[in-house]
Amino acid sequence: MTVEERINELEMRQAFQDDLIQTLNDIIVEQQRSLDRMKLQIEELARRQAEIAVSQGAVEDEAPPPHY
């Protein structure tokens, strides 16, 4: 294998690795966006659940009835 062939091989590998790194980075960015959306949804659901609990008169620290 000549030096030129080796250089060409290395350049092809680098190009492939650069493309793979960019693809993986794009995937990570999209996953972070999904996580951010899910976090907001969970926070909204928790807020709604707290509102429902308050509107129904539920108290978290309520002691059980005396017959228990």
N, C-alpha and C. Protein backbone atom coordinates (compact mmCIF):
# COMPACT_ATOMS: atom_id res chain seq x y z
N MET A 1 0.85 -1.17 0.00
CA MET A 1 0.00 0.00 0.00
C MET A 1 0.90 1.24 0.00
N THR A 2 0.64 2.11 -0.93
CA THR A 2 1.47 3.32 -1.05
C THR A 2 1.04 4.36 -0.03
N VAL A 3 1.88 5.35 0.13
CA VAL A 3 1.58 6.44 1.06
C VAL A 3 0.31 7.16 0.61
N GLU A 4 0.17 7.37 -0.67
CA GLU A 4 -1.02 8.06 -1.19
C GLU A 4 -2.29 7.25 -0.91
N GLU A 5 -2.21 5.93 -1.07
CA GLU A 5 -3.37 5.08 -0.77
C GLU A 5 -3.71 5.14 0.71
N ARG A 6 -2.69 5.14 1.54
CA ARG A 6 -2.92 5.21 2.98
C ARG A 6 -3.55 6.55 3.35
N ILE A 7 -3.08 7.63 2.74
CA ILE A 7 -3.66 8.95 3.02
C ILE A 7 -5.11 8.99 2.57
N ASN A 8 -5.38 8.44 1.38
CA ASN A 8 -6.77 8.40 0.89
C ASN A 8 -7.67 7.60 1.84
N GLU A 9 -7.15 6.47 2.30
CA GLU A 9 -7.91 5.63 3.24
C GLU A 9 -8.20 6.40 4.53
N LEU A 10 -7.20 7.08 5.05
CA LEU A 10 -7.39 7.87 6.28
C LEU A 10 -8.37 9.01 6.07
N GLU A 11 -8.30 9.66 4.92
CA GLU A 11 -9.25 10.75 4.63
C GLU A 11 -10.67 10.22 4.54
N MET A 12 -10.85 9.04 3.93
CA MET A 12 -12.20 8.46 3.85
C MET A 12 -12.71 8.10 5.25
N ARG A 13 -11.85 7.54 6.07
CA ARG A 13 -12.25 7.20 7.44
C ARG A 13 -12.63 8.44 8.22
N GLN A 14 -11.84 9.50 8.07
CA GLN A 14 -12.14 10.73 8.78
C GLN A 14 -13.47 11.32 8.32
N ALA A 15 -13.72 11.29 7.01
CA ALA A 15 -14.99 11.80 6.49
C ALA A 15 -16.16 11.00 7.05
N PHE A 16 -16.00 9.68 7.10
CA PHE A 16 -17.05 8.82 7.66
C PHE A 16 -17.26 9.13 9.14
N GLN A 17 -16.17 9.28 9.89
CA GLN A 17 -16.28 9.58 11.31
C GLN A 17 -16.91 10.95 11.55
N ASP A 18 -16.56 11.93 10.73
CA ASP A 18 -17.17 13.26 10.86
C ASP A 18 -18.67 13.18 10.64
N ASP A 19 -19.08 12.42 9.63
CA ASP A 19 -20.50 12.26 9.35
C ASP A 19 -21.20 11.54 10.50
N LEU A 20 -20.57 10.50 11.02
CA LEU A 20 -21.16 9.75 12.13
C LEU A 20 -21.29 10.62 13.37
N ILE A 21 -20.27 11.41 13.67
CA ILE A 21 -20.32 12.31 14.83
C ILE A 21 -21.45 13.31 14.67
N GLN A 22 -21.63 13.87 13.49
CA GLN A 22 -22.71 14.83 13.27
C GLN A 22 -24.07 14.16 13.42
N THR A 23 -24.20 12.95 12.91
CA THR A 23 -25.46 12.20 13.04
C THR A 23 -25.77 11.93 14.51
N LEU A 24 -24.76 11.48 15.25
CA LEU A 24 -24.97 11.22 16.68
C LEU A 24 -25.30 12.50 17.43
N ASN A 25 -24.67 13.59 17.09
CA ASN A 25 -24.97 14.86 17.73
C ASN A 25 -26.41 15.28 17.45
N ASP A 26 -26.86 15.11 16.22
CA ASP A 26 -28.25 15.44 15.88
C ASP A 26 -29.23 14.60 16.70
N ILE A 27 -28.90 13.34 16.89
CA ILE A 27 -29.76 12.45 17.69
C ILE A 27 -29.81 12.92 19.14
N ILE A 28 -28.66 13.28 19.68
CA ILE A 28 -28.61 13.75 21.07
C ILE A 28 -29.41 15.03 21.24
N VAL A 29 -29.29 15.94 20.30
CA VAL A 29 -30.04 17.20 20.36
C VAL A 29 -31.54 16.91 20.36
N GLU A 30 -31.99 16.02 19.49
CA GLU A 30 -33.42 15.68 19.42
C GLU A 30 -33.88 15.00 20.71
N GLN A 31 -33.06 14.12 21.27
CA GLN A 31 -33.43 13.47 22.52
C GLN A 31 -33.55 14.49 23.65
N GLN A 32 -32.66 15.48 23.69
CA GLN A 32 -32.73 16.50 24.72
C GLN A 32 -34.01 17.31 24.57
N ARG A 33 -34.37 17.62 23.34
CA ARG A 33 -35.63 18.34 23.11
C ARG A 33 -36.82 17.52 23.60
N SER A 34 -36.80 16.22 23.31
CA SER A 34 -37.88 15.35 23.78
C SER A 34 -37.93 15.32 25.30
N LEU A 35 -36.76 15.21 25.94
CA LEU A 35 -36.73 15.21 27.40
C LEU A 35 -37.26 16.52 27.97
N ASP A 36 -36.90 17.63 27.35
CA ASP A 36 -37.41 18.93 27.81
C ASP A 36 -38.93 19.00 27.69
N ARG A 37 -39.46 18.51 26.56
CA ARG A 37 -40.93 18.50 26.38
C ARG A 37 -41.60 17.62 27.43
N MET A 38 -41.03 16.44 27.67
CA MET A 38 -41.61 15.52 28.65
C MET A 38 -41.55 16.11 30.06
N LYS A 39 -40.48 16.80 30.37
CA LYS A 39 -40.35 17.44 31.68
C LYS A 39 -41.45 18.47 31.87
N LEU A 40 -41.69 19.28 30.84
CA LEU A 40 -42.76 20.27 30.91
C LEU A 40 -44.13 19.61 31.07
N GLN A 41 -44.33 18.51 30.35
CA GLN A 41 -45.61 17.79 30.45
C GLN A 41 -45.80 17.22 31.85
N ILE A 42 -44.75 16.66 32.42
CA ILE A 42 -44.84 16.10 33.77
C ILE A 42 -45.14 17.20 34.78
N GLU A 43 -44.46 18.34 34.63
CA GLU A 43 -44.71 19.46 35.53
C GLU A 43 -46.16 19.94 35.41
N GLU A 44 -46.67 20.00 34.19
CA GLU A 44 -48.06 20.42 33.98
C GLU A 44 -49.02 19.40 34.59
N LEU A 45 -48.76 18.12 34.40
CA LEU A 45 -49.62 17.09 35.00
C LEU A 45 -49.59 17.15 36.52
N ALA A 46 -48.42 17.38 37.09
CA ALA A 46 -48.31 17.50 38.55
C ALA A 46 -49.10 18.70 39.04
N ARG A 47 -49.01 19.81 38.32
CA ARG A 47 -49.77 21.02 38.69
C ARG A 47 -51.27 20.75 38.62
N ARG A 48 -51.70 20.10 37.54
CA ARG A 48 -53.13 19.78 37.40
C ARG A 48 -53.59 18.83 38.50
N GLN A 49 -52.77 17.85 38.82
CA GLN A 49 -53.14 16.90 39.87
C GLN A 49 -53.26 17.62 41.21
N ALA A 50 -52.36 18.54 41.49
CA ALA A 50 -52.44 19.31 42.74
C ALA A 50 -53.70 20.16 42.76
N GLU A 51 -54.05 20.78 41.64
CA GLU A 51 -55.27 21.59 41.57
C GLU A 51 -56.51 20.73 41.80
N ILE A 52 -56.53 19.55 41.21
CA ILE A 52 -57.67 18.64 41.39
C ILE A 52 -57.77 18.21 42.85
N ALA A 53 -56.64 17.88 43.44
CA ALA A 53 -56.65 17.45 44.84
C ALA A 53 -57.16 18.56 45.74
N VAL A 54 -56.75 19.78 45.47
CA VAL A 54 -57.21 20.92 46.28
C VAL A 54 -58.71 21.15 46.06
N SER A 55 -59.15 21.06 44.81
CA SER A 55 -60.56 21.31 44.52
C SER A 55 -61.47 20.24 45.09
N GLN A 56 -60.94 19.02 45.29
CA GLN A 56 -61.74 17.95 45.86
C GLN A 56 -61.59 17.88 47.38
N GLY A 57 -60.79 18.77 47.92
CA GLY A 57 -60.65 18.83 49.36
C GLY A 57 -59.70 17.78 49.92
N ALA A 58 -58.90 17.18 49.10
CA ALA A 58 -57.96 16.17 49.58
C ALA A 58 -56.81 16.86 50.30
N VAL A 59 -56.46 16.29 51.44
CA VAL A 59 -55.35 16.82 52.21
C VAL A 59 -54.34 15.69 52.35
N GLU A 60 -53.11 15.95 51.97
CA GLU A 60 -52.09 14.89 52.00
C GLU A 60 -51.78 14.38 53.40
N ASP A 61 -51.77 15.27 54.37
CA ASP A 61 -51.38 14.90 55.72
C ASP A 61 -52.59 14.52 56.59
N GLU A 62 -53.69 14.21 55.96
CA GLU A 62 -54.90 13.87 56.71
C GLU A 62 -54.71 12.54 57.44
N ALA A 63 -55.00 12.54 58.71
CA ALA A 63 -54.86 11.32 59.51
C ALA A 63 -55.98 10.35 59.19
N PRO A 64 -55.74 9.05 59.32
CA PRO A 64 -56.81 8.08 59.05
C PRO A 64 -57.91 8.21 60.09
N PRO A 65 -59.10 7.75 59.77
CA PRO A 65 -60.20 7.82 60.73
C PRO A 65 -59.86 7.06 62.00
N PRO A 66 -60.49 7.40 63.12
CA PRO A 66 -60.16 6.78 64.41
C PRO A 66 -60.34 5.26 64.45
N HIS A 67 -61.20 4.69 63.62
CA HIS A 67 -61.46 3.25 63.69
C HIS A 67 -60.32 2.42 63.10
N TYR A 68 -59.27 3.02 62.58
CA TYR A 68 -58.15 2.25 62.03
C TYR A 68 -57.17 1.90 63.07
